[in-house]
PDB file of N, CA and C in Angstrom:
ATOM      1  N   UNK A   1       9.977  35.334 -16.870  1.00  0.00           N
ATOM      2  CA  UNK A   1       9.511  34.016 -16.541  1.00  0.00           C
ATOM      3  C   UNK A   1       8.786  33.385 -17.739  1.00  0.00           C
ATOM      4  N   UNK A   2       8.001  34.197 -18.409  1.00  0.00           N
ATOM      5  CA  UNK A   2       7.281  33.709 -19.581  1.00  0.00           C
ATOM      6  C   UNK A   2       8.262  33.242 -20.654  1.00  0.00           C
ATOM      7  N   UNK A   3       9.356  33.976 -20.832  1.00  0.00           N
ATOM      8  CA  UNK A   3      10.359  33.622 -21.833  1.00  0.00           C
ATOM      9  C   UNK A   3      11.007  32.269 -21.499  1.00  0.00           C
ATOM     10  N   UNK A   4      11.240  32.034 -20.207  1.00  0.00           N
ATOM     11  CA  UNK A   4      11.841  30.775 -19.791  1.00  0.00           C
ATOM     12  C   UNK A   4      10.897  29.604 -20.080  1.00  0.00           C
ATOM     13  N   UNK A   5       9.631  29.743 -19.758  1.00  0.00           N
ATOM     14  CA  UNK A   5       8.653  28.685 -20.014  1.00  0.00           C
ATOM     15  C   UNK A   5       8.519  28.452 -21.512  1.00  0.00           C
ATOM     16  N   UNK A   6       8.493  29.510 -22.293  1.00  0.00           N
ATOM     17  CA  UNK A   6       8.391  29.392 -23.737  1.00  0.00           C
ATOM     18  C   UNK A   6       9.606  28.669 -24.311  1.00  0.00           C
ATOM     19  N   UNK A   7      10.794  29.000 -23.818  1.00  0.00           N
ATOM     20  CA  UNK A   7      12.012  28.338 -24.283  1.00  0.00           C
ATOM     21  C   UNK A   7      11.993  26.844 -23.930  1.00  0.00           C
ATOM     22  N   UNK A   8      11.499  26.513 -22.742  1.00  0.00           N
ATOM     23  CA  UNK A   8      11.421  25.106 -22.345  1.00  0.00           C
ATOM     24  C   UNK A   8      10.444  24.340 -23.240  1.00  0.00           C
ATOM     25  N   UNK A   9       9.317  24.930 -23.540  1.00  0.00           N
ATOM     26  CA  UNK A   9       8.348  24.279 -24.419  1.00  0.00           C
ATOM     27  C   UNK A   9       8.902  24.086 -25.824  1.00  0.00           C
ATOM     28  N   UNK A  10       9.663  25.049 -26.293  1.00  0.00           N
ATOM     29  CA  UNK A  10      10.280  24.926 -27.617  1.00  0.00           C
ATOM     30  C   UNK A  10      11.298  23.787 -27.624  1.00  0.00           C
ATOM     31  N   UNK A  11      12.054  23.642 -26.553  1.00  0.00           N
ATOM     32  CA  UNK A  11      13.031  22.552 -26.466  1.00  0.00           C
ATOM     33  C   UNK A  11      12.336  21.189 -26.450  1.00  0.00           C
ATOM     34  N   UNK A  12      11.243  21.089 -25.717  1.00  0.00           N
ATOM     35  CA  UNK A  12      10.497  19.833 -25.677  1.00  0.00           C
ATOM     36  C   UNK A  12       9.930  19.512 -27.057  1.00  0.00           C
ATOM     37  N   UNK A  13       9.390  20.511 -27.743  1.00  0.00           N
ATOM     38  CA  UNK A  13       8.836  20.298 -29.085  1.00  0.00           C
ATOM     39  C   UNK A  13       9.936  19.890 -30.060  1.00  0.00           C
ATOM     40  N   UNK A  14      11.090  20.533 -29.974  1.00  0.00           N
ATOM     41  CA  UNK A  14      12.214  20.188 -30.841  1.00  0.00           C
ATOM     42  C   UNK A  14      12.677  18.753 -30.585  1.00  0.00           C
ATOM     43  N   UNK A  15      12.742  18.354 -29.311  1.00  0.00           N
ATOM     44  CA  UNK A  15      13.140  16.981 -28.967  1.00  0.00           C
ATOM     45  C   UNK A  15      12.138  15.963 -29.495  1.00  0.00           C
ATOM     46  N   UNK A  16      10.848  16.260 -29.369  1.00  0.00           N
ATOM     47  CA  UNK A  16       9.823  15.355 -29.890  1.00  0.00           C
ATOM     48  C   UNK A  16       9.926  15.245 -31.406  1.00  0.00           C
ATOM     49  N   UNK A  17      10.240  16.350 -32.062  1.00  0.00           N
ATOM     50  CA  UNK A  17      10.406  16.335 -33.517  1.00  0.00           C
ATOM     51  C   UNK A  17      11.575  15.464 -33.947  1.00  0.00           C
ATOM     52  N   UNK A  18      12.680  15.545 -33.218  1.00  0.00           N
ATOM     53  CA  UNK A  18      13.864  14.735 -33.548  1.00  0.00           C
ATOM     54  C   UNK A  18      13.553  13.258 -33.353  1.00  0.00           C
ATOM     55  N   UNK A  19      12.882  12.923 -32.249  1.00  0.00           N
ATOM     56  CA  UNK A  19      12.538  11.521 -31.998  1.00  0.00           C
ATOM     57  C   UNK A  19      11.610  11.005 -33.090  1.00  0.00           C
ATOM     58  N   UNK A  20      10.630  11.790 -33.478  1.00  0.00           N
ATOM     59  CA  UNK A  20       9.711  11.388 -34.534  1.00  0.00           C
ATOM     60  C   UNK A  20      10.426  11.179 -35.863  1.00  0.00           C
ATOM     61  N   UNK A  21      11.346  12.069 -36.207  1.00  0.00           N
ATOM     62  CA  UNK A  21      12.096  11.948 -37.452  1.00  0.00           C
ATOM     63  C   UNK A  21      12.926  10.666 -37.467  1.00  0.00           C
ATOM     64  N   UNK A  22      13.630  10.398 -36.370  1.00  0.00           N
ATOM     65  CA  UNK A  22      14.470   9.199 -36.290  1.00  0.00           C
ATOM     66  C   UNK A  22      13.606   7.945 -36.376  1.00  0.00           C
ATOM     67  N   UNK A  23      12.433   7.970 -35.747  1.00  0.00           N
ATOM     68  CA  UNK A  23      11.540   6.815 -35.787  1.00  0.00           C
ATOM     69  C   UNK A  23      11.061   6.552 -37.213  1.00  0.00           C
ATOM     70  N   UNK A  24      10.702   7.598 -37.936  1.00  0.00           N
ATOM     71  CA  UNK A  24      10.246   7.419 -39.314  1.00  0.00           C
ATOM     72  C   UNK A  24      11.357   6.884 -40.207  1.00  0.00           C
ATOM     73  N   UNK A  25      12.560   7.408 -40.059  1.00  0.00           N
ATOM     74  CA  UNK A  25      13.686   6.936 -40.860  1.00  0.00           C
ATOM     75  C   UNK A  25      14.003   5.479 -40.552  1.00  0.00           C
ATOM     76  N   UNK A  26      13.903   5.080 -39.302  1.00  0.00           N
ATOM     77  CA  UNK A  26      14.186   3.690 -38.935  1.00  0.00           C
ATOM     78  C   UNK A  26      13.146   2.759 -39.551  1.00  0.00           C
ATOM     79  N   UNK A  27      11.904   3.187 -39.600  1.00  0.00           N
ATOM     80  CA  UNK A  27      10.860   2.342 -40.211  1.00  0.00           C
ATOM     81  C   UNK A  27      11.101   2.189 -41.708  1.00  0.00           C
ATOM     82  N   UNK A  28      11.545   3.240 -42.336  1.00  0.00           N
ATOM     83  CA  UNK A  28      11.798   3.169 -43.783  1.00  0.00           C
ATOM     84  C   UNK A  28      12.923   2.206 -44.094  1.00  0.00           C
ATOM     85  N   UNK A  29      13.878   2.100 -43.193  1.00  0.00           N
ATOM     86  CA  UNK A  29      15.015   1.208 -43.414  1.00  0.00           C
ATOM     87  C   UNK A  29      14.725  -0.218 -42.967  1.00  0.00           C
ATOM     88  N   UNK A  30      13.517  -0.501 -42.502  1.00  0.00           N
ATOM     89  CA  UNK A  30      13.164  -1.862 -42.119  1.00  0.00           C
ATOM     90  C   UNK A  30      13.494  -2.215 -40.689  1.00  0.00           C
ATOM     91  N   UNK A  31      13.819  -1.223 -39.893  1.00  0.00           N
ATOM     92  CA  UNK A  31      14.114  -1.512 -38.492  1.00  0.00           C
ATOM     93  C   UNK A  31      12.917  -1.147 -37.609  1.00  0.00           C
ATOM     94  N   UNK A  32      11.728  -1.444 -38.107  1.00  0.00           N
ATOM     95  CA  UNK A  32      10.524  -1.080 -37.372  1.00  0.00           C
ATOM     96  C   UNK A  32      10.168  -2.051 -36.269  1.00  0.00           C
ATOM     97  N   UNK A  33      10.857  -3.183 -36.219  1.00  0.00           N
ATOM     98  CA  UNK A  33      10.582  -4.136 -35.156  1.00  0.00           C
ATOM     99  C   UNK A  33      11.095  -3.558 -33.842  1.00  0.00           C
ATOM    100  N   UNK A  34      10.199  -3.386 -32.918  1.00  0.00           N
ATOM    101  CA  UNK A  34      10.544  -2.659 -31.695  1.00  0.00           C
ATOM    102  C   UNK A  34      11.362  -3.506 -30.730  1.00  0.00           C
ATOM    103  N   UNK A  35      10.919  -4.739 -30.473  1.00  0.00           N
ATOM    104  CA  UNK A  35      11.617  -5.588 -29.516  1.00  0.00           C
ATOM    105  C   UNK A  35      12.384  -6.691 -30.237  1.00  0.00           C
ATOM    106  N   UNK A  36      13.577  -6.932 -29.772  1.00  0.00           N
ATOM    107  CA  UNK A  36      14.347  -8.073 -30.252  1.00  0.00           C
ATOM    108  C   UNK A  36      13.867  -9.311 -29.498  1.00  0.00           C
ATOM    109  N   UNK A  37      14.240 -10.496 -29.935  1.00  0.00           N
ATOM    110  CA  UNK A  37      13.848 -11.699 -29.172  1.00  0.00           C
ATOM    111  C   UNK A  37      14.342 -11.666 -27.715  1.00  0.00           C
ATOM    112  N   UNK A  38      15.525 -11.115 -27.507  1.00  0.00           N
ATOM    113  CA  UNK A  38      16.047 -11.003 -26.142  1.00  0.00           C
ATOM    114  C   UNK A  38      15.192 -10.040 -25.322  1.00  0.00           C
ATOM    115  N   UNK A  39      14.760  -8.951 -25.942  1.00  0.00           N
ATOM    116  CA  UNK A  39      13.900  -7.987 -25.255  1.00  0.00           C
ATOM    117  C   UNK A  39      12.543  -8.591 -24.913  1.00  0.00           C
ATOM    118  N   UNK A  40      12.007  -9.385 -25.838  1.00  0.00           N
ATOM    119  CA  UNK A  40      10.741 -10.065 -25.575  1.00  0.00           C
ATOM    120  C   UNK A  40      10.868 -11.010 -24.381  1.00  0.00           C
ATOM    121  N   UNK A  41      11.993 -11.722 -24.303  1.00  0.00           N
ATOM    122  CA  UNK A  41      12.207 -12.633 -23.174  1.00  0.00           C
ATOM    123  C   UNK A  41      12.332 -11.863 -21.866  1.00  0.00           C
ATOM    124  N   UNK A  42      12.993 -10.718 -21.903  1.00  0.00           N
ATOM    125  CA  UNK A  42      13.084  -9.893 -20.700  1.00  0.00           C
ATOM    126  C   UNK A  42      11.708  -9.421 -20.248  1.00  0.00           C
ATOM    127  N   UNK A  43      10.878  -9.000 -21.203  1.00  0.00           N
ATOM    128  CA  UNK A  43       9.526  -8.562 -20.861  1.00  0.00           C
ATOM    129  C   UNK A  43       8.696  -9.709 -20.290  1.00  0.00           C
ATOM    130  N   UNK A  44       8.807 -10.887 -20.888  1.00  0.00           N
ATOM    131  CA  UNK A  44       8.062 -12.040 -20.382  1.00  0.00           C
ATOM    132  C   UNK A  44       8.502 -12.386 -18.962  1.00  0.00           C
ATOM    133  N   UNK A  45       9.805 -12.322 -18.715  1.00  0.00           N
ATOM    134  CA  UNK A  45      10.307 -12.582 -17.361  1.00  0.00           C
ATOM    135  C   UNK A  45       9.812 -11.550 -16.361  1.00  0.00           C
ATOM    136  N   UNK A  46       9.776 -10.292 -16.777  1.00  0.00           N
ATOM    137  CA  UNK A  46       9.275  -9.244 -15.893  1.00  0.00           C
ATOM    138  C   UNK A  46       7.799  -9.441 -15.592  1.00  0.00           C
ATOM    139  N   UNK A  47       7.029  -9.864 -16.589  1.00  0.00           N
ATOM    140  CA  UNK A  47       5.598 -10.127 -16.357  1.00  0.00           C
ATOM    141  C   UNK A  47       5.411 -11.291 -15.388  1.00  0.00           C
ATOM    142  N   UNK A  48       6.221 -12.349 -15.571  1.00  0.00           N
ATOM    143  CA  UNK A  48       6.115 -13.491 -14.659  1.00  0.00           C
ATOM    144  C   UNK A  48       6.463 -13.078 -13.236  1.00  0.00           C
ATOM    145  N   UNK A  49       7.518 -12.301 -13.086  1.00  0.00           N
ATOM    146  CA  UNK A  49       7.921 -11.839 -11.765  1.00  0.00           C
ATOM    147  C   UNK A  49       6.835 -10.955 -11.159  1.00  0.00           C
ATOM    148  N   UNK A  50       6.242 -10.101 -11.976  1.00  0.00           N
ATOM    149  CA  UNK A  50       5.155  -9.252 -11.490  1.00  0.00           C
ATOM    150  C   UNK A  50       3.976 -10.063 -10.993  1.00  0.00           C
ATOM    151  N   UNK A  51       3.646 -11.133 -11.713  1.00  0.00           N
ATOM    152  CA  UNK A  51       2.546 -11.995 -11.283  1.00  0.00           C
ATOM    153  C   UNK A  51       2.887 -12.708  -9.971  1.00  0.00           C
ATOM    154  N   UNK A  52       4.143 -13.120  -9.824  1.00  0.00           N
ATOM    155  CA  UNK A  52       4.558 -13.753  -8.574  1.00  0.00           C
ATOM    156  C   UNK A  52       4.437 -12.770  -7.407  1.00  0.00           C
ATOM    157  N   UNK A  53       4.843 -11.534  -7.639  1.00  0.00           N
ATOM    158  CA  UNK A  53       4.769 -10.516  -6.592  1.00  0.00           C
ATOM    159  C   UNK A  53       3.317 -10.257  -6.203  1.00  0.00           C
ATOM    160  N   UNK A  54       2.433 -10.159  -7.193  1.00  0.00           N
ATOM    161  CA  UNK A  54       1.015  -9.915  -6.911  1.00  0.00           C
ATOM    162  C   UNK A  54       0.432 -11.077  -6.115  1.00  0.00           C
ATOM    163  N   UNK A  55       0.735 -12.292  -6.517  1.00  0.00           N
ATOM    164  CA  UNK A  55       0.222 -13.469  -5.821  1.00  0.00           C
ATOM    165  C   UNK A  55       0.716 -13.508  -4.386  1.00  0.00           C
ATOM    166  N   UNK A  56       1.997 -13.271  -4.202  1.00  0.00           N
ATOM    167  CA  UNK A  56       2.575 -13.313  -2.847  1.00  0.00           C
ATOM    168  C   UNK A  56       2.002 -12.206  -1.973  1.00  0.00           C
ATOM    169  N   UNK A  57       1.815 -11.012  -2.527  1.00  0.00           N
ATOM    170  CA  UNK A  57       1.264  -9.920  -1.723  1.00  0.00           C
ATOM    171  C   UNK A  57      -0.180 -10.207  -1.339  1.00  0.00           C
ATOM    172  N   UNK A  58      -0.941 -10.858  -2.223  1.00  0.00           N
ATOM    173  CA  UNK A  58      -2.312 -11.239  -1.875  1.00  0.00           C
ATOM    174  C   UNK A  58      -2.303 -12.263  -0.745  1.00  0.00           C
ATOM    175  N   UNK A  59      -1.362 -13.204  -0.786  1.00  0.00           N
ATOM    176  CA  UNK A  59      -1.268 -14.195   0.280  1.00  0.00           C
ATOM    177  C   UNK A  59      -0.915 -13.528   1.602  1.00  0.00           C
ATOM    178  N   UNK A  60       0.049 -12.613   1.562  1.00  0.00           N
ATOM    179  CA  UNK A  60       0.459 -11.938   2.791  1.00  0.00           C
ATOM    180  C   UNK A  60      -0.665 -11.076   3.354  1.00  0.00           C
ATOM    181  N   UNK A  61      -1.377 -10.394   2.475  1.00  0.00           N
ATOM    182  CA  UNK A  61      -2.484  -9.552   2.938  1.00  0.00           C
ATOM    183  C   UNK A  61      -3.573 -10.404   3.559  1.00  0.00           C
ATOM    184  N   UNK A  62      -3.864 -11.539   2.958  1.00  0.00           N
ATOM    185  CA  UNK A  62      -4.874 -12.439   3.508  1.00  0.00           C
ATOM    186  C   UNK A  62      -4.468 -12.994   4.855  1.00  0.00           C
ATOM    187  N   UNK A  63      -3.214 -13.428   4.967  1.00  0.00           N
ATOM    188  CA  UNK A  63      -2.762 -13.991   6.236  1.00  0.00           C
ATOM    189  C   UNK A  63      -2.679 -12.909   7.307  1.00  0.00           C
ATOM    190  N   UNK A  64      -2.341 -11.694   6.925  1.00  0.00           N
ATOM    191  CA  UNK A  64      -2.279 -10.606   7.899  1.00  0.00           C
ATOM    192  C   UNK A  64      -3.675 -10.284   8.427  1.00  0.00           C
ATOM    193  N   UNK A  65      -4.669 -10.292   7.541  1.00  0.00           N
ATOM    194  CA  UNK A  65      -6.025 -10.004   8.011  1.00  0.00           C
ATOM    195  C   UNK A  65      -6.533 -11.140   8.898  1.00  0.00           C
ATOM    196  N   UNK A  66      -6.172 -12.377   8.574  1.00  0.00           N
ATOM    197  CA  UNK A  66      -6.579 -13.498   9.422  1.00  0.00           C
ATOM    198  C   UNK A  66      -5.921 -13.405  10.795  1.00  0.00           C
ATOM    199  N   UNK A  67      -4.640 -13.047  10.823  1.00  0.00           N
ATOM    200  CA  UNK A  67      -3.957 -12.899  12.106  1.00  0.00           C
ATOM    201  C   UNK A  67      -4.563 -11.770  12.923  1.00  0.00           C
ATOM    202  N   UNK A  68      -4.927 -10.678  12.253  1.00  0.00           N
ATOM    203  CA  UNK A  68      -5.538  -9.550  12.955  1.00  0.00           C
ATOM    204  C   UNK A  68      -6.882  -9.948  13.545  1.00  0.00           C
ATOM    205  N   UNK A  69      -7.691 -10.659  12.782  1.00  0.00           N
ATOM    206  CA  UNK A  69      -8.985 -11.096  13.293  1.00  0.00           C
ATOM    207  C   UNK A  69      -8.810 -12.057  14.464  1.00  0.00           C
ATOM    208  N   UNK A  70      -7.846 -12.971  14.369  1.00  0.00           N
ATOM    209  CA  UNK A  70      -7.593 -13.901  15.464  1.00  0.00           C
ATOM    210  C   UNK A  70      -7.145 -13.146  16.713  1.00  0.00           C
ATOM    211  N   UNK A  71      -6.302 -12.143  16.531  1.00  0.00           N
ATOM    212  CA  UNK A  71      -5.831 -11.352  17.661  1.00  0.00           C
ATOM    213  C   UNK A  71      -6.985 -10.584  18.294  1.00  0.00           C
ATOM    214  N   UNK A  72      -7.851 -10.015  17.471  1.00  0.00           N
ATOM    215  CA  UNK A  72      -9.017  -9.292  18.012  1.00  0.00           C
ATOM    216  C   UNK A  72      -9.905 -10.219  18.824  1.00  0.00           C
ATOM    217  N   UNK A  73     -10.125 -11.435  18.330  1.00  0.00           N
ATOM    218  CA  UNK A  73     -10.981 -12.364  19.073  1.00  0.00           C
ATOM    219  C   UNK A  73     -10.324 -12.767  20.389  1.00  0.00           C
ATOM    220  N   UNK A  74      -8.992 -12.963  20.382  1.00  0.00           N
ATOM    221  CA  UNK A  74      -8.303 -13.310  21.629  1.00  0.00           C
ATOM    222  C   UNK A  74      -8.362 -12.168  22.631  1.00  0.00           C
ATOM    223  N   UNK A  75      -8.190 -10.929  22.152  1.00  0.00           N
ATOM    224  CA  UNK A  75      -8.249  -9.772  23.044  1.00  0.00           C
ATOM    225  C   UNK A  75      -9.661  -9.631  23.599  1.00  0.00           C
ATOM    226  N   UNK A  76     -10.667  -9.867  22.754  1.00  0.00           N
ATOM    227  CA  UNK A  76     -12.049  -9.795  23.221  1.00  0.00           C
ATOM    228  C   UNK A  76     -12.337 -10.844  24.272  1.00  0.00           C
ATOM    229  N   UNK A  77     -11.850 -12.072  24.072  1.00  0.00           N
ATOM    230  CA  UNK A  77     -12.035 -13.136  25.064  1.00  0.00           C
ATOM    231  C   UNK A  77     -11.351 -12.782  26.365  1.00  0.00           C
ATOM    232  N   UNK A  78     -10.176 -12.200  26.292  1.00  0.00           N
ATOM    233  CA  UNK A  78      -9.430 -11.824  27.489  1.00  0.00           C
ATOM    234  C   UNK A  78     -10.187 -10.760  28.266  1.00  0.00           C
ATOM    235  N   UNK A  79     -10.765  -9.789  27.549  1.00  0.00           N
ATOM    236  CA  UNK A  79     -11.526  -8.739  28.225  1.00  0.00           C
ATOM    237  C   UNK A  79     -12.760  -9.308  28.901  1.00  0.00           C
ATOM    238  N   UNK A  80     -13.436 -10.236  28.239  1.00  0.00           N
ATOM    239  CA  UNK A  80     -14.622 -10.859  28.833  1.00  0.00           C
ATOM    240  C   UNK A  80     -14.221 -11.667  30.057  1.00  0.00           C
ATOM    241  N   UNK A  81     -13.119 -12.426  29.967  1.00  0.00           N
ATOM    242  CA  UNK A  81     -12.640 -13.221  31.092  1.00  0.00           C
ATOM    243  C   UNK A  81     -12.269 -12.332  32.268  1.00  0.00           C
ATOM    244  N   UNK A  82     -11.608 -11.216  31.999  1.00  0.00           N
ATOM    245  CA  UNK A  82     -11.210 -10.288  33.049  1.00  0.00           C
ATOM    246  C   UNK A  82     -12.434  -9.681  33.704  1.00  0.00           C
ATOM    247  N   UNK A  83     -13.440  -9.349  32.920  1.00  0.00           N
ATOM    248  CA  UNK A  83     -14.653  -8.760  33.479  1.00  0.00           C
ATOM    249  C   UNK A  83     -15.388  -9.767  34.361  1.00  0.00           C
ATOM    250  N   UNK A  84     -15.361 -11.030  34.001  1.00  0.00           N
ATOM    251  CA  UNK A  84     -16.030 -12.052  34.806  1.00  0.00           C
ATOM    252  C   UNK A  84     -15.287 -12.304  36.114  1.00  0.00           C
ATOM    253  N   UNK A  85     -13.959 -12.248  36.081  1.00  0.00           N
ATOM    254  CA  UNK A  85     -13.159 -12.546  37.266  1.00  0.00           C
ATOM    255  C   UNK A  85     -13.138 -11.386  38.247  1.00  0.00           C
ATOM    256  N   UNK A  86     -13.320 -10.175  37.776  1.00  0.00           N
ATOM    257  CA  UNK A  86     -13.261  -9.011  38.664  1.00  0.00           C
ATOM    258  C   UNK A  86     -14.478  -9.026  39.570  1.00  0.00           C
ATOM    259  N   UNK A  87     -14.272  -8.893  40.885  1.00  0.00           N
ATOM    260  CA  UNK A  87     -15.422  -8.888  41.795  1.00  0.00           C
ATOM    261  C   UNK A  87     -16.215  -7.597  41.610  1.00  0.00           C
ATOM    262  N   UNK A  88     -17.512  -7.714  41.687  1.00  0.00           N
ATOM    263  CA  UNK A  88     -18.371  -6.546  41.568  1.00  0.00           C
ATOM    264  C   UNK A  88     -18.272  -5.758  42.856  1.00  0.00           C
ATOM    265  N   UNK A  89     -17.858  -4.518  42.753  1.00  0.00           N
ATOM    266  CA  UNK A  89     -17.713  -3.679  43.931  1.00  0.00           C
ATOM    267  C   UNK A  89     -18.890  -2.721  43.999  1.00  0.00           C
ATOM    268  N   UNK A  90     -19.510  -2.686  45.083  1.00  0.00           N
ATOM    269  CA  UNK A  90     -20.606  -1.741  45.276  1.00  0.00           C
ATOM    270  C   UNK A  90     -20.268  -0.833  46.441  1.00  0.00           C
ATOM    271  N   UNK A  91     -20.808   0.329  46.451  1.00  0.00           N
ATOM    272  CA  UNK A  91     -20.521   1.250  47.549  1.00  0.00           C
ATOM    273  C   UNK A  91     -21.495   0.996  48.686  1.00  0.00           C
ATOM    274  N   UNK A  92     -21.122   1.428  49.843  1.00  0.00           N
ATOM    275  CA  UNK A  92     -21.931   1.172  51.023  1.00  0.00           C
ATOM    276  C   UNK A  92     -23.190   2.025  51.062  1.00  0.00           C
ATOM    277  N   UNK A  93     -23.205   3.119  50.276  1.00  0.00           N
ATOM    278  CA  UNK A  93     -24.379   3.985  50.321  1.00  0.00           C
ATOM    279  C   UNK A  93     -25.477   3.523  49.381  1.00  0.00           C
ATOM    280  N   UNK A  94     -25.293   2.438  48.682  1.00  0.00           N
ATOM    281  CA  UNK A  94     -26.328   1.875  47.847  1.00  0.00           C
ATOM    282  C   UNK A  94     -26.326   2.399  46.425  1.00  0.00           C
ATOM    283  N   UNK A  95     -25.464   3.345  46.087  1.00  0.00           N
ATOM    284  CA  UNK A  95     -25.421   3.819  44.706  1.00  0.00           C
ATOM    285  C   UNK A  95     -24.678   2.804  43.853  1.00  0.00           C
ATOM    286  N   UNK A  96     -24.929   2.825  42.555  1.00  0.00           N
ATOM    287  CA  UNK A  96     -24.296   1.849  41.683  1.00  0.00           C
ATOM    288  C   UNK A  96     -23.058   2.420  40.998  1.00  0.00           C
ATOM    289  N   UNK A  97     -22.480   3.460  41.539  1.00  0.00           N
ATOM    290  CA  UNK A  97     -21.219   3.984  41.014  1.00  0.00           C
ATOM    291  C   UNK A  97     -20.075   3.163  41.559  1.00  0.00           C
ATOM    292  N   UNK A  98     -19.144   2.827  40.700  1.00  0.00           N
ATOM    293  CA  UNK A  98     -17.995   2.034  41.124  1.00  0.00           C
ATOM    294  C   UNK A  98     -16.870   2.962  41.547  1.00  0.00           C
ATOM    295  N   UNK A  99     -16.106   2.493  42.529  1.00  0.00           N
ATOM    296  CA  UNK A  99     -14.922   3.240  42.948  1.00  0.00           C
ATOM    297  C   UNK A  99     -13.855   2.986  41.895  1.00  0.00           C
ATOM    298  N   UNK A 100     -13.347   4.033  41.313  1.00  0.00           N
ATOM    299  CA  UNK A 100     -12.340   3.902  40.274  1.00  0.00           C
ATOM    300  C   UNK A 100     -11.128   4.703  40.683  1.00  0.00           C
ATOM    301  N   UNK A 101      -9.994   4.029  40.810  1.00  0.00           N
ATOM    302  CA  UNK A 101      -8.765   4.696  41.237  1.00  0.00           C
ATOM    303  C   UNK A 101      -8.320   5.740  40.226  1.00  0.00           C
ATOM    304  N   UNK A 102      -8.671   5.577  38.962  1.00  0.00           N
ATOM    305  CA  UNK A 102      -8.243   6.552  37.952  1.00  0.00           C
ATOM    306  C   UNK A 102      -8.958   7.882  38.122  1.00  0.00           C
ATOM    307  N   UNK A 103     -10.153   7.852  38.739  1.00  0.00           N
ATOM    308  CA  UNK A 103     -10.923   9.088  38.877  1.00  0.00           C
ATOM    309  C   UNK A 103     -10.605   9.848  40.141  1.00  0.00           C
ATOM    310  N   UNK A 104      -9.855   9.212  41.061  1.00  0.00           N
ATOM    311  CA  UNK A 104      -9.516   9.899  42.294  1.00  0.00           C
ATOM    312  C   UNK A 104      -8.356  10.858  42.053  1.00  0.00           C
ATOM    313  N   UNK A 105      -8.395  12.023  42.688  1.00  0.00           N
ATOM    314  CA  UNK A 105      -7.257  12.957  42.540  1.00  0.00           C
ATOM    315  C   UNK A 105      -6.032  12.414  43.264  1.00  0.00           C
ATOM    316  N   UNK A 106      -4.876  12.712  42.723  1.00  0.00           N
ATOM    317  CA  UNK A 106      -3.621  12.263  43.331  1.00  0.00           C
ATOM    318  C   UNK A 106      -3.403  13.004  44.633  1.00  0.00           C
ATOM    319  N   UNK A 107      -2.919  12.293  45.666  1.00  0.00           N
ATOM    320  CA  UNK A 107      -2.696  12.963  46.945  1.00  0.00           C
ATOM    321  C   UNK A 107      -1.254  13.237  47.204  1.00  0.00           C
TER     322      UNK A 107
END
């Protein structure tokens, strides 16, 4: 296993050496300019698109949080309305425990 890892590291080092050599030779020949004008335009377009995506996602996140808050307030109002409309049930023995169908055992 150690031999395999060592061989892989040697291959990576050899590849990095080849890339470095080619880069140095290209600079010596005057081809050190990394991006062509077409490449620069592609990068500028990608940056613009990225900014559009960020802006749109911020808008969607904001509107989603507003919708969630509005929904929470509507659900809260509905619960309050339901609690007000429900008649208060008291037991005949004077205790303040409410009869709850969910707590009764099934027959």
